[in-house]
Structure formats: C-alpha cells, structure tokens
Protein backbone atom coordinates (compact mmCIF):
# COMPACT_ATOMS: atom_id res chain seq x y z
CA UNK A 1 -35.64 -41.10 56.17
CA UNK A 2 -35.20 -41.11 52.42
CA UNK A 3 -32.71 -43.38 50.67
CA UNK A 4 -31.72 -43.31 47.01
CA UNK A 5 -30.59 -46.44 45.15
CA UNK A 6 -28.88 -46.26 41.76
CA UNK A 7 -29.34 -49.14 39.31
CA UNK A 8 -28.38 -49.78 35.67
CA UNK A 9 -31.12 -49.92 33.04
CA UNK A 10 -30.99 -52.16 29.95
CA UNK A 11 -33.50 -50.72 27.44
CA UNK A 12 -34.13 -52.18 24.00
CA UNK A 13 -33.42 -49.97 20.95
CA UNK A 14 -37.13 -49.08 20.73
CA UNK A 15 -37.27 -48.22 24.44
CA UNK A 16 -34.09 -46.15 24.18
CA UNK A 17 -35.70 -44.07 21.43
CA UNK A 18 -38.66 -43.42 23.75
CA UNK A 19 -36.30 -42.47 26.58
CA UNK A 20 -34.44 -40.04 24.30
CA UNK A 21 -37.74 -38.62 23.06
CA UNK A 22 -38.93 -38.06 26.65
CA UNK A 23 -35.62 -36.46 27.58
CA UNK A 24 -35.74 -34.06 24.63
CA UNK A 25 -39.38 -33.05 25.21
CA UNK A 26 -38.73 -32.46 28.92
CA UNK A 27 -35.90 -30.14 27.89
CA UNK A 28 -38.28 -28.40 25.48
CA UNK A 29 -40.90 -27.89 28.22
CA UNK A 30 -38.27 -26.65 30.69
CA UNK A 31 -37.06 -24.05 28.18
CA UNK A 32 -40.65 -22.97 27.44
CA UNK A 33 -41.35 -22.58 31.17
CA UNK A 34 -38.17 -20.56 31.59
CA UNK A 35 -39.26 -18.35 28.70
CA UNK A 36 -42.62 -17.86 30.44
CA UNK A 37 -40.88 -17.12 33.75
CA UNK A 38 -38.77 -14.40 32.13
CA UNK A 39 -41.96 -12.73 30.82
CA UNK A 40 -43.69 -12.68 34.23
CA UNK A 41 -43.68 -9.34 36.04
CA UNK A 42 -44.45 -11.14 39.31
CA UNK A 43 -43.28 -14.73 39.72
CA UNK A 44 -46.23 -17.12 39.94
CA UNK A 45 -45.45 -20.85 40.15
CA UNK A 46 -49.06 -22.03 39.77
CA UNK A 47 -49.62 -19.90 36.69
CA UNK A 48 -46.49 -21.36 35.11
CA UNK A 49 -47.65 -24.90 35.99
CA UNK A 50 -50.92 -24.23 34.16
CA UNK A 51 -48.92 -22.98 31.15
CA UNK A 52 -47.88 -26.62 30.50
CA UNK A 53 -51.44 -27.25 29.19
CA UNK A 54 -50.96 -24.53 26.57
CA UNK A 55 -47.61 -26.04 25.55
CA UNK A 56 -49.29 -29.44 25.11
CA UNK A 57 -52.05 -27.93 22.95
CA UNK A 58 -49.50 -26.24 20.68
CA UNK A 59 -47.30 -29.37 20.48
CA UNK A 60 -49.49 -32.49 20.24
CA UNK A 61 -46.52 -34.90 20.36
CA UNK A 62 -45.89 -33.87 23.98
CA UNK A 63 -49.10 -35.75 24.90
CA UNK A 64 -47.00 -38.93 24.53
CA UNK A 65 -45.12 -37.93 27.73
CA UNK A 66 -46.52 -38.84 31.15
CA UNK A 67 -48.12 -35.69 32.61
CA UNK A 68 -46.36 -35.76 36.00
CA UNK A 69 -42.98 -35.96 34.28
CA UNK A 70 -43.76 -32.66 32.55
CA UNK A 71 -45.10 -31.11 35.77
CA UNK A 72 -41.84 -31.95 37.50
CA UNK A 73 -39.98 -29.66 35.09
CA UNK A 74 -41.79 -26.73 36.72
CA UNK A 75 -40.54 -27.93 40.11
CA UNK A 76 -37.02 -28.29 38.69
CA UNK A 77 -37.14 -24.73 37.33
CA UNK A 78 -38.10 -23.23 40.70
CA UNK A 79 -35.62 -25.49 42.50
CA UNK A 80 -32.85 -24.03 40.33
CA UNK A 81 -34.22 -20.55 41.01
CA UNK A 82 -34.05 -21.15 44.78
CA UNK A 83 -30.47 -22.39 44.43
CA UNK A 84 -29.48 -19.16 42.69
CA UNK A 85 -31.23 -17.16 45.39
CA UNK A 86 -29.27 -18.96 48.14
CA UNK A 87 -25.99 -18.30 46.32
CA UNK A 88 -26.85 -14.61 46.05
CA UNK A 89 -27.61 -14.44 49.78
CA UNK A 90 -24.21 -15.99 50.47
CA UNK A 91 -22.54 -13.16 48.55
CA UNK A 92 -21.81 -15.08 45.32
CA UNK A 93 -21.99 -13.43 41.92
CA UNK A 94 -24.78 -15.05 39.92
CA UNK A 95 -26.39 -14.62 36.53
CA UNK A 96 -29.79 -15.65 35.21
CA UNK A 97 -31.07 -19.16 34.61
CA UNK A 98 -29.98 -20.43 31.21
CA UNK A 99 -31.89 -22.29 28.56
CA UNK A 100 -30.84 -25.94 28.37
CA UNK A 101 -29.01 -27.22 25.32
CA UNK A 102 -29.28 -30.85 24.19
CA UNK A 103 -26.11 -32.00 25.95
CA UNK A 104 -26.92 -30.11 29.16
CA UNK A 105 -30.12 -32.01 29.94
CA UNK A 106 -29.58 -35.55 31.15
CA UNK A 107 -32.45 -36.51 33.50
CA UNK A 108 -36.21 -36.70 33.77
CA UNK A 109 -38.27 -37.66 36.82
CA UNK A 110 -41.30 -39.78 37.65
CA UNK A 111 -42.59 -38.35 40.92
CA UNK A 112 -45.13 -40.19 43.14
CA UNK A 113 -46.71 -42.19 40.30
CA UNK A 114 -46.24 -43.55 36.77
CA UNK A 115 -43.79 -46.32 37.73
CA UNK A 116 -43.80 -49.86 39.07
CA UNK A 117 -40.93 -52.21 40.00
CA UNK A 118 -41.54 -55.96 39.54
CA UNK A 119 -39.20 -58.79 40.60
CA UNK A 120 -38.61 -61.51 37.99
CA UNK A 121 -35.44 -63.08 39.41
CA UNK A 122 -32.66 -62.82 41.96
CA UNK A 123 -31.09 -59.67 40.51
CA UNK A 124 -33.20 -58.90 37.45
CA UNK A 125 -36.31 -56.78 37.73
CA UNK A 126 -38.69 -54.95 35.44
CA UNK A 127 -39.20 -51.20 35.81
CA UNK A 128 -42.47 -50.13 34.26
CA UNK A 129 -42.53 -46.47 33.20
CA UNK A 130 -45.78 -44.95 31.97
CA UNK A 131 -45.77 -44.08 28.23
CA UNK A 132 -42.37 -45.82 27.81
CA UNK A 133 -42.86 -49.48 28.76
CA UNK A 134 -41.22 -52.29 30.75
CA UNK A 135 -37.46 -51.87 30.99
CA UNK A 136 -35.02 -54.45 32.32
CA UNK A 137 -33.21 -53.17 35.43
CA UNK A 138 -30.41 -54.80 37.43
CA UNK A 139 -31.13 -54.26 41.15
CA UNK A 140 -28.07 -55.38 43.12
CA UNK A 141 -29.62 -54.29 46.46
CA UNK A 142 -33.01 -54.70 48.10
CA UNK A 143 -35.09 -51.52 48.25
CA UNK A 144 -36.39 -50.88 51.77
CA UNK A 145 -39.45 -48.68 52.09
CA UNK A 146 -42.06 -47.19 49.78
CA UNK A 147 -40.79 -45.92 46.42
CA UNK A 148 -41.54 -42.21 46.05
CA UNK A 149 -39.57 -41.15 43.00
CA UNK A 150 -37.65 -42.52 40.03
CA UNK A 151 -35.06 -40.40 38.22
CA UNK A 152 -33.89 -41.61 34.80
CA UNK A 153 -30.44 -40.43 33.72
CA UNK A 154 -28.40 -40.87 30.57
CA UNK A 155 -24.64 -40.84 31.19
CA UNK A 156 -22.09 -39.46 28.72
CA UNK A 157 -21.05 -43.05 27.93
CA UNK A 158 -24.56 -43.76 26.61
CA UNK A 159 -25.59 -45.94 29.59
CA UNK A 160 -28.94 -45.42 31.30
CA UNK A 161 -29.46 -45.47 35.07
CA UNK A 162 -32.43 -45.20 37.42
CA UNK A 163 -32.09 -43.50 40.81
CA UNK A 164 -34.92 -44.85 42.96
CA UNK A 165 -35.81 -42.80 46.04
CA UNK A 166 -37.62 -44.72 48.80
CA UNK A 167 -39.05 -43.48 52.08
CA UNK A 168 -38.08 -45.58 55.09
CA UNK A 169 -39.43 -45.18 58.64
CA UNK A 170 -36.43 -46.95 60.13
CA UNK A 171 -35.40 -45.52 63.52
CA UNK A 172 -31.80 -44.36 63.95
CA UNK A 173 -30.05 -45.88 66.96
CA UNK A 174 -26.63 -44.86 68.17
CA UNK A 175 -23.93 -47.40 67.44
CA UNK A 176 -22.72 -49.47 70.41
CA UNK A 177 -19.14 -49.12 69.25
CA UNK A 178 -17.24 -46.65 71.48
CA UNK A 179 -14.07 -46.30 69.39
CA UNK A 180 -13.09 -42.81 68.22
CA UNK A 181 -10.92 -41.77 65.32
CA UNK A 182 -9.56 -38.65 63.66
CA UNK A 183 -7.85 -38.53 60.31
CA UNK A 184 -5.88 -36.26 58.05
CA UNK A 185 -6.68 -36.22 54.33
CA UNK A 186 -3.77 -35.89 51.95
CA UNK A 187 -2.43 -36.56 48.47
CA UNK A 188 0.49 -38.92 49.15
CA UNK A 189 -1.42 -40.80 51.88
CA UNK A 190 -5.12 -40.48 51.15
CA UNK A 191 -5.83 -40.98 54.85
CA UNK A 192 -3.57 -41.10 57.89
CA UNK A 193 -5.66 -41.76 61.00
CA UNK A 194 -5.04 -41.27 64.71
CA UNK A 195 -4.61 -45.04 65.23
CA UNK A 196 -1.52 -44.95 62.98
CA UNK A 197 -3.19 -46.59 59.96
CA UNK A 198 -2.71 -45.04 56.54
CA UNK A 199 -4.02 -45.72 53.05
CA UNK A 200 -2.14 -44.75 49.90
CA UNK A 201 -3.82 -42.48 47.37
CA UNK A 202 -4.56 -44.68 44.30
CA UNK A 203 -4.44 -41.65 41.91
CA UNK A 204 -6.72 -43.27 39.33
CA UNK A 205 -6.59 -40.23 37.02
CA UNK A 206 -2.78 -40.41 36.72
CA UNK A 207 -3.07 -44.13 36.09
CA UNK A 208 -5.21 -43.55 32.95
CA UNK A 209 -3.88 -40.14 31.95
CA UNK A 210 -1.95 -41.28 28.84
CA UNK A 211 -4.87 -43.33 27.56
CA UNK A 212 -7.26 -40.43 28.21
CA UNK A 213 -4.97 -37.87 26.54
CA UNK A 214 -4.70 -40.09 23.45
CA UNK A 215 -8.50 -40.42 23.22
CA UNK A 216 -9.01 -36.66 23.64
CA UNK A 217 -6.38 -35.90 20.99
CA UNK A 218 -8.21 -38.14 18.50
CA UNK A 219 -11.51 -36.50 19.44
CA UNK A 220 -10.12 -33.01 18.77
CA UNK A 221 -9.18 -34.04 15.21
CA UNK A 222 -12.65 -35.35 14.29
CA UNK A 223 -15.02 -33.20 12.26
CA UNK A 224 -17.75 -31.60 14.37
CA UNK A 225 -21.22 -33.19 14.18
CA UNK A 226 -19.82 -36.23 12.35
CA UNK A 227 -20.55 -39.85 13.28
CA UNK A 228 -16.85 -40.54 13.78
CA UNK A 229 -16.64 -37.69 16.30
CA UNK A 230 -19.60 -39.10 18.22
CA UNK A 231 -17.97 -42.57 18.27
CA UNK A 232 -14.72 -41.11 19.59
CA UNK A 233 -16.60 -39.01 22.15
CA UNK A 234 -18.15 -42.21 23.52
CA UNK A 235 -14.70 -43.84 23.76
CA UNK A 236 -13.36 -40.88 25.77
CA UNK A 237 -16.50 -40.89 27.97
CA UNK A 238 -16.05 -44.60 28.74
CA UNK A 239 -12.47 -43.94 29.93
CA UNK A 240 -13.75 -41.14 32.18
CA UNK A 241 -16.48 -43.42 33.50
CA UNK A 242 -14.00 -46.18 34.39
CA UNK A 243 -11.86 -43.69 36.31
CA UNK A 244 -14.94 -42.46 38.21
CA UNK A 245 -16.11 -46.01 38.97
CA UNK A 246 -12.70 -47.02 40.34
CA UNK A 247 -12.53 -43.90 42.50
CA UNK A 248 -16.08 -44.35 43.85
CA UNK A 249 -15.37 -48.01 44.63
CA UNK A 250 -12.28 -47.03 46.63
CA UNK A 251 -14.11 -44.24 48.50
CA UNK A 252 -17.14 -46.43 49.27
CA UNK A 253 -15.02 -49.23 50.74
CA UNK A 254 -12.87 -46.81 52.74
CA UNK A 255 -15.84 -44.88 54.17
CA UNK A 256 -17.64 -48.14 55.01
CA UNK A 257 -14.58 -49.37 56.94
CA UNK A 258 -14.58 -46.31 59.20
CA UNK A 259 -18.36 -46.25 59.68
CA UNK A 260 -18.40 -49.92 60.72
CA UNK A 261 -15.53 -49.60 63.20
CA UNK A 262 -15.93 -46.22 64.92
CA UNK A 263 -18.62 -44.24 66.77
CA UNK A 264 -16.96 -40.84 66.40
CA UNK A 265 -15.10 -39.71 63.26
CA UNK A 266 -13.30 -36.36 63.28
CA UNK A 267 -12.45 -34.83 59.91
CA UNK A 268 -11.07 -31.50 58.73
CA UNK A 269 -13.56 -28.91 57.51
CA UNK A 270 -11.53 -28.11 54.40
CA UNK A 271 -12.15 -25.23 51.99
CA UNK A 272 -11.47 -27.44 48.98
CA UNK A 273 -12.44 -24.85 46.35
CA UNK A 274 -9.97 -22.43 47.91
CA UNK A 275 -7.24 -25.09 47.92
CA UNK A 276 -7.80 -25.84 44.24
CA UNK A 277 -7.51 -22.14 43.31
CA UNK A 278 -4.33 -21.53 45.30
CA UNK A 279 -2.48 -24.85 45.00
CA UNK A 280 -0.08 -25.85 42.22
CA UNK A 281 -1.28 -29.41 42.85
CA UNK A 282 -4.93 -28.77 41.98
CA UNK A 283 -5.20 -31.74 39.57
CA UNK A 284 -4.34 -34.25 42.32
CA UNK A 285 -6.62 -32.48 44.80
CA UNK A 286 -9.57 -32.80 42.42
CA UNK A 287 -8.65 -36.42 41.67
CA UNK A 288 -8.65 -37.19 45.41
CA UNK A 289 -12.35 -36.15 45.69
CA UNK A 290 -12.19 -35.31 49.40
CA UNK A 291 -15.65 -33.69 49.29
CA UNK A 292 -17.14 -36.86 47.82
CA UNK A 293 -15.49 -38.97 50.51
CA UNK A 294 -16.78 -36.75 53.36
CA UNK A 295 -20.26 -36.79 51.78
CA UNK A 296 -20.17 -40.61 51.78
CA UNK A 297 -19.16 -40.61 55.43
CA UNK A 298 -22.05 -38.29 56.32
CA UNK A 299 -24.87 -40.18 54.65
CA UNK A 300 -23.60 -43.56 55.88
CA UNK A 301 -23.11 -42.17 59.38
CA UNK A 302 -26.73 -41.01 59.45
CA UNK A 303 -28.04 -44.57 59.10
CA UNK A 304 -25.39 -46.14 61.35
CA UNK A 305 -25.80 -43.71 64.27
CA UNK A 306 -22.20 -42.49 64.00
CA UNK A 307 -21.06 -38.94 64.82
CA UNK A 308 -19.15 -36.89 62.25
CA UNK A 309 -17.23 -33.94 63.71
CA UNK A 310 -15.87 -31.32 61.31
CA UNK A 311 -12.84 -29.56 62.79
CA UNK A 312 -11.20 -26.27 61.77
CA UNK A 313 -7.98 -27.39 60.03
CA UNK A 314 -5.93 -24.27 60.85
CA UNK A 315 -2.87 -25.20 62.91
CA UNK A 316 -3.45 -28.96 63.02
CA UNK A 317 -0.22 -29.62 61.11
CA UNK A 318 1.92 -27.12 63.05
CA UNK A 319 0.68 -28.08 66.55
CA UNK A 320 2.17 -30.94 68.58
CA UNK A 321 -0.63 -33.39 69.40
CA UNK A 322 1.14 -34.47 72.59
CA UNK A 323 1.99 -31.17 74.34
CA UNK A 324 0.33 -28.47 72.21
CA UNK A 325 3.58 -26.70 71.30
CA UNK A 326 3.72 -25.00 67.90
CA UNK A 327 6.25 -26.79 65.68
CA UNK A 328 6.79 -25.03 62.35
CA UNK A 329 7.14 -27.36 59.36
CA UNK A 330 7.51 -26.68 55.66
CA UNK A 331 5.51 -28.76 53.20
CA UNK A 332 8.49 -31.00 52.41
CA UNK A 333 9.11 -31.79 56.11
CA UNK A 334 7.30 -35.13 56.47
CA UNK A 335 8.38 -35.82 60.07
CA UNK A 336 7.04 -34.03 63.13
CA UNK A 337 9.81 -33.39 65.70
CA UNK A 338 8.84 -31.61 68.91
CA UNK A 339 11.76 -30.12 70.87
CA UNK A 340 9.54 -29.72 73.94
CA UNK A 341 8.22 -33.27 74.53
CA UNK A 342 10.59 -35.06 72.07
CA UNK A 343 7.68 -36.57 70.11
CA UNK A 344 8.86 -37.74 66.67
CA UNK A 345 6.22 -39.17 64.33
CA UNK A 346 4.90 -38.76 60.77
CA UNK A 347 3.48 -35.24 60.28
CA UNK A 348 0.14 -36.59 58.98
CA UNK A 349 -0.11 -38.96 61.97
CA UNK A 350 0.47 -36.01 64.31
CA UNK A 351 -2.18 -33.99 62.46
CA UNK A 352 -4.73 -36.83 62.74
CA UNK A 353 -4.14 -37.11 66.50
CA UNK A 354 -4.54 -33.32 66.89
CA UNK A 355 -7.82 -33.39 64.91
CA UNK A 356 -9.23 -36.08 67.21
CA UNK A 357 -7.99 -34.19 70.27
CA UNK A 358 -9.84 -31.02 69.17
CA UNK A 359 -13.01 -33.00 68.43
CA UNK A 360 -13.05 -34.49 71.95
CA UNK A 361 -12.57 -31.05 73.51
CA UNK A 362 -15.62 -29.63 71.77
CA UNK A 363 -18.55 -29.45 74.16
CA UNK A 364 -21.24 -30.02 71.54
CA UNK A 365 -20.06 -33.61 71.02
CA UNK A 366 -21.16 -34.70 74.50
CA UNK A 367 -24.61 -35.58 73.18
CA UNK A 368 -25.37 -37.51 69.99
CA UNK A 369 -27.07 -35.54 67.25
CA UNK A 370 -27.87 -37.38 63.98
CA UNK A 371 -26.67 -35.67 60.82
CA UNK A 372 -29.34 -34.09 58.63
CA UNK A 373 -28.47 -34.41 54.97
CA UNK A 374 -30.47 -34.27 51.75
CA UNK A 375 -30.89 -37.36 49.56
CA UNK A 376 -28.46 -37.69 46.66
CA UNK A 377 -31.25 -36.92 44.26
CA UNK A 378 -31.24 -33.26 45.31
CA UNK A 379 -27.55 -33.01 44.42
CA UNK A 380 -28.28 -34.47 40.99
CA UNK A 381 -30.99 -31.86 40.41
CA UNK A 382 -28.69 -29.00 41.50
CA UNK A 383 -26.08 -30.12 38.97
CA UNK A 384 -28.42 -29.70 36.01
C-alpha cells in the first residue's frame, strides 16, 4: 500500500530561488522532450530519455539539477500521453499535448533517490534535496513505511509543499464494526443519512464571495506584468486558498466520522459533470465538492477495511423507502408523503434510506472486497 503525506515547506530566500530555478528548468526539459516526441515517426520512450543528455550538453546550467528529477519529466510526458489515450478510448474529444507555460508548471519530483528526511524536533524536520539543500519542513504526522518519492509543489499563494509518498506493507483487516449507513448528498443539507442525522452545507464560497469579488476586481484593474498586479494576484490566491482549506477541513472531519463509525457506506454514483452542465445551481454544486468527499471516503475506507457501495441514483428520490411505491415529487417538495404506507419524512432522509436498501440488496456486497485506488500523487500528475 502506498500513502501520500502532504507537508508545508519553509525555504529560505536562497533556497526558494533554487526551487524556482529547478521548476523552470524542469518545464524547459519537458517542453524539449515534447518537441522531440512530436518529431518522432514512431514513439520511442527510451530514445527520448537519452535525449535528455543532449539537452544537458546544449544547456550547461541544467547540470545543476539532480539527474533523476529531469528523467522524471520523461515519465510525466508519457503519463500525460497515456491519459489522453484513455480519454480517446472512452469516446472523448482530445487534442495534442501542449507545451507548458510558466504558470502551468507547478511541480517537480524526486523519485527513489536524491532526498532524505531528518528529525530535529517534535514537529520540525529537515528535508534534504540533492542540488537544493536542507529545507525546513513541518511534519504534523508520522510517516509509516519507506519513502519512495517526494513531489515539490508551489501553490498559487506562493507557499511550497512536499507530498511524500511512502510504501507500507500494512495488512488490511475488515473493521469489526457492523453498522451500515446510506446517505444522500445535497446542497441545503450536505448529507442526510439513513440514521436520520444531517449536516448543513457550510457554503464556504458564498461566505467569502464579496471579499473574493473585491480582490478580483482590483486585480483586473492592475497593469499586466506589473509588480502591483503580482501582489494583488497573491492576495486573491490567498483568499482562494483559505476557502479550499476550510472546505477540505470540513470534508476530512465528516468523512472520518463515517469511516470510524460504519462498516458499510452506501453513496450515490453521481454524474457530477453532467449535473454542473444542466443545473442552474452549478456554482453551489462545485462548491460542495461531492467528488472530493467521495474520494476521501474511498482512500480512508481502504485503510480502515470499510466497504464503499456506489448506487445508481435514478429513482432514489421518487421511490418510497418503506414500501417501494413511486411517489412523484418536484424539487421544491421537501417532504416525502406516501399515500400507500402513510410514511411521511424528509425527502432526503427517504432517499438515504432507499440508497442503503439498494446497497443491501446487491449480491456483490456479501463478501468484503478492499477498494483499489491510486495514490493522490497520480491525481496531481494528471492535473498538470
């Protein structure tokens, strides 16, 4: 099992210049490799890997970058190529790989070697990166297992983070908890579960919308490429970052609550992209981050031995969870009233009970099967 831990870095000004230099040269090498790939009549990964030596000969300053960091850019290029290929097989319209501009490239990777983590206190450590130096890092969690990879990322706010991927041979055991739960995801109530509990949607974007709009308006008035524009861009980025941090904190605590207290969690298999395109409420749907929440449930469930069942959402709102009768409701009807069995409850509560009911009926849930998911690092690479 691979686990990825994300920690804040605190580089000095000199170290930050080296980090920025490494980031820019990795972007340069990636673009050169892409240029070489476009010239190949037959795609050859090994030949392109060897081309890095020619790039280093032509640009001597690249010798100041750790060699495996540059080699990883070849892996990144072919990883992006495979992602495009998968999208094409799924019937999506795709274009060619693009060259990376300065603001599009935010990470570089130390793979297998070139790094060392040293403890110097309770929460403060030193991360040694080859050709860069010893950088102060705040590790708020213990890293279990052998470190395989370190990804350095610069956020839009100017902060630096290290995502440390460690390999752990920990065996997954099924949780002893036998409680089962189903829940309905929504905008008014973020979650309404089959036990009758519900959690309000905090709507962090709406909370900071005026402040964000003011910052963006000031940014739009600044002259392009000026220092004042860059200062204002950082202010807007910090507001965005605070919204994201609040949302992630809420989602982490909520997902942890359900993982700790239930052995089976039934959720809707929502087509969120489709909902965003068709709904007039797309801003609140995106702010809710349902995909992010389900992703958190999945990777936490893998370690805890908890089952996640994804259920087809069609008809869960219109079906009575008690007798199975179809009860038509418009969006503004918040109460479920069944004329057949006289059940009268909140519509989201009824939906949550129906989702759990469908999950228990499914035959493939009779035996525990651990979820197989990729480490978060892969998602970061795909987003580049």
